[in-house]
Structure formats: C-alpha cells, structure tokens
N, C-alpha and C. Protein backbone atom coordinates (compact mmCIF):
# COMPACT_ATOMS: atom_id res chain seq x y z
N MET A 1 116.53 249.01 29.64
CA MET A 1 115.23 248.54 30.08
C MET A 1 115.15 248.67 31.60
N LYS A 2 114.12 249.35 32.07
CA LYS A 2 113.98 249.59 33.50
C LYS A 2 113.24 248.42 34.14
N ALA A 3 113.74 247.97 35.28
CA ALA A 3 113.12 246.86 35.99
C ALA A 3 111.79 247.31 36.59
N VAL A 4 110.80 246.43 36.50
CA VAL A 4 109.49 246.71 37.05
C VAL A 4 109.43 246.14 38.46
N LYS A 5 108.92 246.95 39.39
CA LYS A 5 108.83 246.50 40.77
C LYS A 5 107.46 245.90 41.02
N ALA A 6 107.43 244.86 41.82
CA ALA A 6 106.17 244.21 42.16
C ALA A 6 105.24 245.16 42.90
N SER A 7 105.80 246.05 43.69
CA SER A 7 104.97 247.02 44.42
C SER A 7 104.23 247.94 43.46
N ASP A 8 104.87 248.28 42.34
CA ASP A 8 104.19 249.09 41.33
C ASP A 8 103.07 248.30 40.66
N LEU A 9 103.31 247.02 40.43
CA LEU A 9 102.31 246.18 39.79
C LEU A 9 101.10 245.95 40.70
N ARG A 10 101.34 245.90 42.00
CA ARG A 10 100.24 245.66 42.94
C ARG A 10 99.24 246.81 42.97
N GLN A 11 99.64 247.98 42.50
CA GLN A 11 98.75 249.13 42.47
C GLN A 11 97.86 249.13 41.23
N GLN A 12 98.12 248.24 40.28
CA GLN A 12 97.33 248.19 39.05
C GLN A 12 96.15 247.25 39.22
N THR A 13 95.13 247.46 38.39
CA THR A 13 93.96 246.58 38.42
C THR A 13 94.27 245.28 37.70
N ALA A 14 93.42 244.29 37.91
CA ALA A 14 93.61 242.99 37.27
C ALA A 14 93.55 243.12 35.75
N GLU A 15 92.67 243.98 35.26
CA GLU A 15 92.55 244.17 33.80
C GLU A 15 93.83 244.78 33.22
N GLU A 16 94.40 245.75 33.92
CA GLU A 16 95.67 246.34 33.46
C GLU A 16 96.78 245.30 33.46
N LEU A 17 96.79 244.44 34.47
CA LEU A 17 97.82 243.40 34.54
C LEU A 17 97.65 242.38 33.42
N ARG A 18 96.41 242.02 33.11
CA ARG A 18 96.17 241.08 32.00
C ARG A 18 96.60 241.69 30.67
N THR A 19 96.35 242.98 30.51
CA THR A 19 96.79 243.68 29.30
C THR A 19 98.31 243.67 29.21
N ARG A 20 98.97 243.95 30.32
CA ARG A 20 100.44 243.93 30.34
C ARG A 20 100.97 242.53 30.05
N GLU A 21 100.29 241.51 30.57
CA GLU A 21 100.69 240.12 30.30
C GLU A 21 100.66 239.83 28.80
N ARG A 22 99.59 240.27 28.14
CA ARG A 22 99.49 240.05 26.69
C ARG A 22 100.58 240.81 25.93
N GLU A 23 100.86 242.04 26.37
CA GLU A 23 101.92 242.82 25.72
C GLU A 23 103.28 242.14 25.85
N ILE A 24 103.55 241.64 27.04
CA ILE A 24 104.84 240.96 27.27
C ILE A 24 104.92 239.69 26.43
N ALA A 25 103.82 238.95 26.36
CA ALA A 25 103.82 237.71 25.57
C ALA A 25 104.09 238.02 24.09
N ASP A 26 103.51 239.09 23.59
CA ASP A 26 103.76 239.48 22.19
C ASP A 26 105.21 239.89 21.99
N GLN A 27 105.75 240.64 22.94
CA GLN A 27 107.15 241.05 22.84
C GLN A 27 108.09 239.85 22.90
N LEU A 28 107.78 238.90 23.78
CA LEU A 28 108.62 237.69 23.88
C LEU A 28 108.58 236.90 22.58
N PHE A 29 107.41 236.81 21.98
CA PHE A 29 107.29 236.10 20.70
C PHE A 29 108.17 236.76 19.65
N ALA A 30 108.09 238.09 19.56
CA ALA A 30 108.88 238.82 18.57
C ALA A 30 110.38 238.65 18.83
N LEU A 31 110.78 238.68 20.10
CA LEU A 31 112.20 238.52 20.43
C LEU A 31 112.70 237.11 20.12
N ARG A 32 111.87 236.11 20.41
CA ARG A 32 112.28 234.73 20.08
C ARG A 32 112.39 234.54 18.58
N LEU A 33 111.50 235.17 17.84
CA LEU A 33 111.56 235.10 16.38
C LEU A 33 112.83 235.77 15.87
N ALA A 34 113.15 236.94 16.42
CA ALA A 34 114.37 237.64 16.03
C ALA A 34 115.61 236.82 16.38
N LYS A 35 115.56 236.16 17.52
CA LYS A 35 116.70 235.34 17.94
C LYS A 35 116.91 234.18 16.98
N SER A 36 115.82 233.56 16.56
CA SER A 36 115.95 232.41 15.67
C SER A 36 116.45 232.80 14.28
N THR A 37 116.19 234.05 13.87
CA THR A 37 116.68 234.51 12.57
C THR A 37 118.02 235.21 12.67
N GLY A 38 118.57 235.30 13.89
CA GLY A 38 119.88 235.90 14.08
C GLY A 38 119.87 237.42 14.09
N GLN A 39 118.71 238.04 14.29
CA GLN A 39 118.61 239.49 14.25
C GLN A 39 118.48 240.13 15.63
N LEU A 40 118.60 239.34 16.68
CA LEU A 40 118.43 239.86 18.04
C LEU A 40 119.72 240.55 18.50
N ASP A 41 119.60 241.83 18.83
CA ASP A 41 120.77 242.61 19.26
C ASP A 41 121.09 242.41 20.73
N ASN A 42 120.05 242.32 21.56
CA ASN A 42 120.25 242.27 23.01
C ASN A 42 119.52 241.06 23.59
N PRO A 43 120.19 239.91 23.67
CA PRO A 43 119.53 238.70 24.15
C PRO A 43 119.09 238.76 25.62
N SER A 44 119.66 239.67 26.39
CA SER A 44 119.27 239.77 27.80
C SER A 44 117.85 240.33 27.96
N ARG A 45 117.32 240.93 26.92
CA ARG A 45 115.93 241.44 26.98
C ARG A 45 114.95 240.29 27.18
N ILE A 46 115.26 239.12 26.63
CA ILE A 46 114.35 237.98 26.77
C ILE A 46 114.23 237.59 28.24
N SER A 47 115.35 237.46 28.92
CA SER A 47 115.27 237.07 30.33
C SER A 47 114.64 238.16 31.18
N GLY A 48 114.88 239.41 30.83
CA GLY A 48 114.25 240.51 31.56
C GLY A 48 112.74 240.50 31.40
N LEU A 49 112.27 240.24 30.19
CA LEU A 49 110.83 240.18 29.96
C LEU A 49 110.21 238.96 30.64
N ARG A 50 110.95 237.85 30.66
CA ARG A 50 110.43 236.66 31.35
C ARG A 50 110.27 236.93 32.84
N ARG A 51 111.21 237.65 33.42
CA ARG A 51 111.10 238.02 34.84
C ARG A 51 109.91 238.94 35.07
N GLU A 52 109.73 239.90 34.17
CA GLU A 52 108.60 240.82 34.31
C GLU A 52 107.28 240.05 34.19
N MET A 53 107.23 239.09 33.27
CA MET A 53 106.02 238.26 33.12
C MET A 53 105.75 237.50 34.40
N ALA A 54 106.79 236.96 35.01
CA ALA A 54 106.62 236.22 36.26
C ALA A 54 106.07 237.13 37.36
N LYS A 55 106.55 238.35 37.42
CA LYS A 55 106.05 239.30 38.43
C LYS A 55 104.58 239.61 38.19
N VAL A 56 104.21 239.84 36.93
CA VAL A 56 102.82 240.14 36.60
C VAL A 56 101.92 238.96 36.99
N LEU A 57 102.33 237.76 36.64
CA LEU A 57 101.53 236.57 36.95
C LEU A 57 101.44 236.35 38.46
N THR A 58 102.51 236.63 39.17
CA THR A 58 102.50 236.49 40.63
C THR A 58 101.51 237.45 41.26
N VAL A 59 101.53 238.70 40.83
CA VAL A 59 100.61 239.69 41.38
C VAL A 59 99.17 239.34 41.03
N LEU A 60 98.94 238.86 39.81
CA LEU A 60 97.58 238.43 39.44
C LEU A 60 97.11 237.29 40.34
N ALA A 61 97.97 236.34 40.63
CA ALA A 61 97.61 235.23 41.50
C ALA A 61 97.33 235.72 42.91
N GLU A 62 98.13 236.67 43.38
CA GLU A 62 97.88 237.24 44.73
C GLU A 62 96.51 237.91 44.78
N GLN A 63 96.19 238.65 43.73
CA GLN A 63 94.89 239.33 43.71
C GLN A 63 93.73 238.35 43.67
N ARG A 64 93.92 237.24 42.93
CA ARG A 64 92.86 236.22 42.88
C ARG A 64 92.66 235.56 44.24
N ARG A 65 93.76 235.28 44.93
CA ARG A 65 93.66 234.64 46.24
C ARG A 65 93.03 235.58 47.26
N LYS A 66 93.33 236.87 47.12
CA LYS A 66 92.80 237.86 48.06
C LYS A 66 91.30 238.06 47.89
N ALA A 67 90.81 237.95 46.67
CA ALA A 67 89.38 238.22 46.39
C ALA A 67 88.48 237.10 46.82
C-alpha cells in the first residue's frame, strides 16, 4: 500500500476528497469486519487507512478555513 502525501491531496477538489473519505470509510468497515471474523491478512492496513483518512480530513478542514 502506497502512502498518500498531503501535498497530493491538496491538489484535489473538495468533492474528490469527500468521495475519497467515503471510500476509505467503506474500506475501514470491511477491514474491521474481516478482523472480527478472523479473516484479516494484513492488520497494518487498518492503521494505514486511518492515517490516510486523517490526512483527507485535515486537507478538507484546511480548504474550508481558506474559503
């Protein structure tokens, strides 16, 4: 899994970031479900996705403050 840079996220529109936020939330849900059933192969993906979600939310907040 490749790390997402905040500088790359800052180049996206707010709508693209909201879409990415929803995608990450869906992925996190699926991973937590897999973890609870014992089918999760790579538990570090959860923390990686949580970090990516934090970056997306941070950039969204920056854009809101700037506007």
